[in-house]
C-alpha atoms as a PDB file:
ATOM      1  CA  UNK A   1    -300.724  -0.824 189.039  1.00  0.00           C
ATOM      2  CA  UNK A   2    -302.211  -1.553 186.076  1.00  0.00           C
ATOM      3  CA  UNK A   3    -299.255  -1.406 183.379  1.00  0.00           C
ATOM      4  CA  UNK A   4    -300.846  -1.428 179.566  1.00  0.00           C
ATOM      5  CA  UNK A   5    -297.152  -2.899 178.287  1.00  0.00           C
ATOM      6  CA  UNK A   6    -296.911  -5.561 180.627  1.00  0.00           C
ATOM      7  CA  UNK A   7    -298.261  -7.903 178.175  1.00  0.00           C
ATOM      8  CA  UNK A   8    -295.159  -7.252 176.268  1.00  0.00           C
ATOM      9  CA  UNK A   9    -291.997  -9.445 176.929  1.00  0.00           C
ATOM     10  CA  UNK A  10    -289.392  -7.889 179.489  1.00  0.00           C
ATOM     11  CA  UNK A  11    -292.091  -5.456 181.287  1.00  0.00           C
ATOM     12  CA  UNK A  12    -294.089  -5.289 184.500  1.00  0.00           C
ATOM     13  CA  UNK A  13    -296.716  -4.366 185.768  1.00  0.00           C
ATOM     14  CA  UNK A  14    -296.041  -0.949 189.184  1.00  0.00           C
ATOM     15  CA  UNK A  15    -295.898  -1.130 192.457  1.00  0.00           C
ATOM     16  CA  UNK A  16    -297.548   1.073 194.448  1.00  0.00           C
ATOM     17  CA  UNK A  17    -296.127   1.537 198.108  1.00  0.00           C
ATOM     18  CA  UNK A  18    -297.796   4.369 200.735  1.00  0.00           C
ATOM     19  CA  UNK A  19    -298.660   6.404 197.691  1.00  0.00           C
ATOM     20  CA  UNK A  20    -295.977   6.065 196.227  1.00  0.00           C
ATOM     21  CA  UNK A  21    -295.646   4.358 192.487  1.00  0.00           C
ATOM     22  CA  UNK A  22    -292.129   2.540 191.122  1.00  0.00           C
ATOM     23  CA  UNK A  23    -291.084  -0.049 189.551  1.00  0.00           C
ATOM     24  CA  UNK A  24    -290.186  -3.742 190.712  1.00  0.00           C
ATOM     25  CA  UNK A  25    -286.872  -2.925 190.507  1.00  0.00           C
ATOM     26  CA  UNK A  26    -287.409   0.918 192.266  1.00  0.00           C
ATOM     27  CA  UNK A  27    -288.602  -0.840 195.002  1.00  0.00           C
ATOM     28  CA  UNK A  28    -285.784  -3.301 195.124  1.00  0.00           C
ATOM     29  CA  UNK A  29    -283.339  -0.758 195.496  1.00  0.00           C
ATOM     30  CA  UNK A  30    -284.942   1.571 197.860  1.00  0.00           C
ATOM     31  CA  UNK A  31    -284.753  -2.165 200.160  1.00  0.00           C
ATOM     32  CA  UNK A  32    -281.339  -2.612 200.110  1.00  0.00           C
ATOM     33  CA  UNK A  33    -280.278  -1.088 202.713  1.00  0.00           C
ATOM     34  CA  UNK A  34    -282.992  -3.183 204.658  1.00  0.00           C
ATOM     35  CA  UNK A  35    -281.243  -6.572 203.101  1.00  0.00           C
ATOM     36  CA  UNK A  36    -281.510  -8.978 206.456  1.00  0.00           C
ATOM     37  CA  UNK A  37    -284.388  -7.109 208.088  1.00  0.00           C
ATOM     38  CA  UNK A  38    -287.755  -8.627 207.921  1.00  0.00           C
ATOM     39  CA  UNK A  39    -290.033  -8.153 205.578  1.00  0.00           C
ATOM     40  CA  UNK A  40    -294.081  -7.917 204.973  1.00  0.00           C
ATOM     41  CA  UNK A  41    -295.327  -7.669 202.198  1.00  0.00           C
ATOM     42  CA  UNK A  42    -299.468  -7.201 201.291  1.00  0.00           C
ATOM     43  CA  UNK A  43    -301.590  -7.226 198.802  1.00  0.00           C
ATOM     44  CA  UNK A  44    -305.126  -5.473 199.582  1.00  0.00           C
ATOM     45  CA  UNK A  45    -307.727  -4.659 197.382  1.00  0.00           C
ATOM     46  CA  UNK A  46    -307.610  -1.160 196.574  1.00  0.00           C
ATOM     47  CA  UNK A  47    -311.629  -0.244 196.603  1.00  0.00           C
ATOM     48  CA  UNK A  48    -312.349  -0.264 200.186  1.00  0.00           C
ATOM     49  CA  UNK A  49    -315.997  -1.491 200.942  1.00  0.00           C
END
C-alpha cells in the first residue's frame, strides 16, 4: 500500500497480507513464531485483469 510519508527518511510503505494492513515491522513480528520455516513472498498486481 502506498504511504505518502514513504518518501521521507525512516519511513516505509505498508504491507497488505490477506486483507490486513500492517507495517513491515509488524509483519516481521507476526512471522517470528515461524522462524526456520520456509516462507514464500508473492508480489501481485492489485488490479485483476
